[in-house]
């Protein structure tokens, strides 16, 4: 395996990291869909419809900007998603131990 620094990613590590991002995004979207179903089933007024719309617009903006897979950002993104519970430790299996340690450390400060 080629030696890389924490800012360099091997092809295999890029694949693992992007897989972790994809899994996290799918988990977050599934949770959002569940919440929307529960919320929508209790909508009783037009104000509640507009509130749901506003909530979804904000969530879309947040989610669309959250999953940055650029090499210089991905450690921070993975750490934030891990802290928020969307990335699981198993998702990171195969990354260099130094990268996993950095992600774990960043979860404490983000």
C-alpha atoms as a PDB file:
ATOM      1  CA  UNK A   1       0.000   0.000   0.000  1.00  0.00           C
ATOM      2  CA  UNK A   2       1.359   3.422  -0.895  1.00  0.00           C
ATOM      3  CA  UNK A   3       2.346   5.703   1.967  1.00  0.00           C
ATOM      4  CA  UNK A   4       0.231   8.872   2.202  1.00  0.00           C
ATOM      5  CA  UNK A   5       0.016  11.796   4.600  1.00  0.00           C
ATOM      6  CA  UNK A   6      -3.226  12.827   6.287  1.00  0.00           C
ATOM      7  CA  UNK A   7      -3.878  15.287   3.450  1.00  0.00           C
ATOM      8  CA  UNK A   8      -3.212  12.712   0.754  1.00  0.00           C
ATOM      9  CA  UNK A   9      -5.648   9.974  -0.047  1.00  0.00           C
ATOM     10  CA  UNK A  10      -4.953   6.709  -1.810  1.00  0.00           C
ATOM     11  CA  UNK A  11      -7.492   5.549  -4.365  1.00  0.00           C
ATOM     12  CA  UNK A  12      -8.733   2.934  -1.895  1.00  0.00           C
ATOM     13  CA  UNK A  13      -9.076   5.492   0.909  1.00  0.00           C
ATOM     14  CA  UNK A  14     -10.969   7.899  -1.357  1.00  0.00           C
ATOM     15  CA  UNK A  15     -13.367   5.091  -2.153  1.00  0.00           C
ATOM     16  CA  UNK A  16     -13.823   4.249   1.547  1.00  0.00           C
ATOM     17  CA  UNK A  17     -14.323   7.909   2.501  1.00  0.00           C
ATOM     18  CA  UNK A  18     -16.831   8.511  -0.286  1.00  0.00           C
ATOM     19  CA  UNK A  19     -18.639   5.313   0.698  1.00  0.00           C
ATOM     20  CA  UNK A  20     -18.821   6.580   4.285  1.00  0.00           C
ATOM     21  CA  UNK A  21     -20.221   9.911   3.059  1.00  0.00           C
ATOM     22  CA  UNK A  22     -22.775   8.143   0.906  1.00  0.00           C
ATOM     23  CA  UNK A  23     -23.870   5.861   3.755  1.00  0.00           C
ATOM     24  CA  UNK A  24     -24.148   8.848   6.102  1.00  0.00           C
ATOM     25  CA  UNK A  25     -26.189  10.813   3.587  1.00  0.00           C
ATOM     26  CA  UNK A  26     -28.536   7.892   3.056  1.00  0.00           C
ATOM     27  CA  UNK A  27     -29.009   7.538   6.826  1.00  0.00           C
ATOM     28  CA  UNK A  28     -29.700  11.243   7.205  1.00  0.00           C
ATOM     29  CA  UNK A  29     -32.130  11.307   4.286  1.00  0.00           C
ATOM     30  CA  UNK A  30     -33.962   8.223   5.598  1.00  0.00           C
ATOM     31  CA  UNK A  31     -34.335   9.912   8.993  1.00  0.00           C
ATOM     32  CA  UNK A  32     -35.587  13.082   7.298  1.00  0.00           C
ATOM     33  CA  UNK A  33     -38.146  11.163   5.267  1.00  0.00           C
ATOM     34  CA  UNK A  34     -39.389   9.414   8.411  1.00  0.00           C
ATOM     35  CA  UNK A  35     -39.693  12.757  10.213  1.00  0.00           C
ATOM     36  CA  UNK A  36     -41.525  14.338   7.270  1.00  0.00           C
ATOM     37  CA  UNK A  37     -44.000  11.454   7.133  1.00  0.00           C
ATOM     38  CA  UNK A  38     -44.705  11.773  10.848  1.00  0.00           C
ATOM     39  CA  UNK A  39     -44.970  15.548  10.691  1.00  0.00           C
ATOM     40  CA  UNK A  40     -47.111  15.626   7.545  1.00  0.00           C
ATOM     41  CA  UNK A  41     -49.587  13.173   9.024  1.00  0.00           C
ATOM     42  CA  UNK A  42     -50.254  15.710  11.788  1.00  0.00           C
ATOM     43  CA  UNK A  43     -50.609  18.803   9.594  1.00  0.00           C
ATOM     44  CA  UNK A  44     -53.971  20.456  10.247  1.00  0.00           C
ATOM     45  CA  UNK A  45     -53.581  23.989   8.931  1.00  0.00           C
ATOM     46  CA  UNK A  46     -52.048  25.887   6.075  1.00  0.00           C
ATOM     47  CA  UNK A  47     -49.618  27.521   8.526  1.00  0.00           C
ATOM     48  CA  UNK A  48     -48.344  24.069   9.424  1.00  0.00           C
ATOM     49  CA  UNK A  49     -47.905  23.304   5.702  1.00  0.00           C
ATOM     50  CA  UNK A  50     -45.819  26.451   5.243  1.00  0.00           C
ATOM     51  CA  UNK A  51     -43.815  25.663   8.384  1.00  0.00           C
ATOM     52  CA  UNK A  52     -43.069  22.211   6.991  1.00  0.00           C
ATOM     53  CA  UNK A  53     -42.049  23.781   3.693  1.00  0.00           C
ATOM     54  CA  UNK A  54     -39.696  26.198   5.460  1.00  0.00           C
ATOM     55  CA  UNK A  55     -38.219  23.380   7.525  1.00  0.00           C
ATOM     56  CA  UNK A  56     -37.594  21.281   4.401  1.00  0.00           C
ATOM     57  CA  UNK A  57     -36.025  24.206   2.556  1.00  0.00           C
ATOM     58  CA  UNK A  58     -33.609  24.762   5.432  1.00  0.00           C
ATOM     59  CA  UNK A  59     -32.781  21.057   5.674  1.00  0.00           C
ATOM     60  CA  UNK A  60     -32.172  20.861   1.930  1.00  0.00           C
ATOM     61  CA  UNK A  61     -29.759  23.794   2.101  1.00  0.00           C
ATOM     62  CA  UNK A  62     -27.960  22.166   5.047  1.00  0.00           C
ATOM     63  CA  UNK A  63     -27.740  18.699   3.487  1.00  0.00           C
ATOM     64  CA  UNK A  64     -26.733  19.950   0.039  1.00  0.00           C
ATOM     65  CA  UNK A  65     -23.739  21.759   1.538  1.00  0.00           C
ATOM     66  CA  UNK A  66     -22.720  19.179   4.106  1.00  0.00           C
ATOM     67  CA  UNK A  67     -21.282  16.295   2.079  1.00  0.00           C
ATOM     68  CA  UNK A  68     -18.085  17.865   0.700  1.00  0.00           C
ATOM     69  CA  UNK A  69     -15.734  15.138  -0.573  1.00  0.00           C
ATOM     70  CA  UNK A  70     -12.742  17.296  -1.514  1.00  0.00           C
ATOM     71  CA  UNK A  71      -9.513  15.840  -0.157  1.00  0.00           C
ATOM     72  CA  UNK A  72      -8.720  18.925   1.919  1.00  0.00           C
ATOM     73  CA  UNK A  73     -12.160  18.935   3.584  1.00  0.00           C
ATOM     74  CA  UNK A  74     -13.101  15.304   3.940  1.00  0.00           C
ATOM     75  CA  UNK A  75     -11.513  14.674   7.356  1.00  0.00           C
ATOM     76  CA  UNK A  76     -13.514  17.555   8.823  1.00  0.00           C
ATOM     77  CA  UNK A  77     -16.712  16.447   7.082  1.00  0.00           C
ATOM     78  CA  UNK A  78     -16.324  12.862   8.286  1.00  0.00           C
ATOM     79  CA  UNK A  79     -15.605  14.080  11.830  1.00  0.00           C
ATOM     80  CA  UNK A  80     -18.682  16.320  11.887  1.00  0.00           C
ATOM     81  CA  UNK A  81     -20.868  13.543  10.491  1.00  0.00           C
ATOM     82  CA  UNK A  82     -19.439  11.072  13.001  1.00  0.00           C
ATOM     83  CA  UNK A  83     -20.108  13.501  15.842  1.00  0.00           C
ATOM     84  CA  UNK A  84     -23.680  13.961  14.576  1.00  0.00           C
ATOM     85  CA  UNK A  85     -24.152  10.177  14.438  1.00  0.00           C
ATOM     86  CA  UNK A  86     -24.442   9.811  10.663  1.00  0.00           C
ATOM     87  CA  UNK A  87     -21.009   8.204  10.132  1.00  0.00           C
ATOM     88  CA  UNK A  88     -20.342   5.042  12.097  1.00  0.00           C
ATOM     89  CA  UNK A  89     -16.901   3.709  13.016  1.00  0.00           C
ATOM     90  CA  UNK A  90     -17.379   0.702  10.717  1.00  0.00           C
ATOM     91  CA  UNK A  91     -17.815   3.090   7.782  1.00  0.00           C
ATOM     92  CA  UNK A  92     -14.184   4.158   8.234  1.00  0.00           C
ATOM     93  CA  UNK A  93     -12.657   0.676   8.234  1.00  0.00           C
ATOM     94  CA  UNK A  94      -9.741   0.623   5.819  1.00  0.00           C
ATOM     95  CA  UNK A  95      -8.603   4.201   6.339  1.00  0.00           C
ATOM     96  CA  UNK A  96      -5.098   4.781   7.657  1.00  0.00           C
ATOM     97  CA  UNK A  97      -5.032   4.673  11.479  1.00  0.00           C
ATOM     98  CA  UNK A  98      -3.686   8.254  11.508  1.00  0.00           C
ATOM     99  CA  UNK A  99      -6.741   9.464   9.577  1.00  0.00           C
ATOM    100  CA  UNK A 100      -9.126   7.603  11.877  1.00  0.00           C
ATOM    101  CA  UNK A 101      -7.352   9.116  14.909  1.00  0.00           C
ATOM    102  CA  UNK A 102      -7.599  12.595  13.389  1.00  0.00           C
ATOM    103  CA  UNK A 103     -11.327  12.114  12.686  1.00  0.00           C
ATOM    104  CA  UNK A 104     -11.884  10.910  16.251  1.00  0.00           C
ATOM    105  CA  UNK A 105      -9.953  13.863  17.685  1.00  0.00           C
ATOM    106  CA  UNK A 106     -11.860  16.322  15.527  1.00  0.00           C
ATOM    107  CA  UNK A 107     -15.211  14.995  16.799  1.00  0.00           C
ATOM    108  CA  UNK A 108     -14.242  16.387  20.199  1.00  0.00           C
ATOM    109  CA  UNK A 109     -13.620  19.931  18.970  1.00  0.00           C
ATOM    110  CA  UNK A 110     -16.216  20.404  16.224  1.00  0.00           C
END
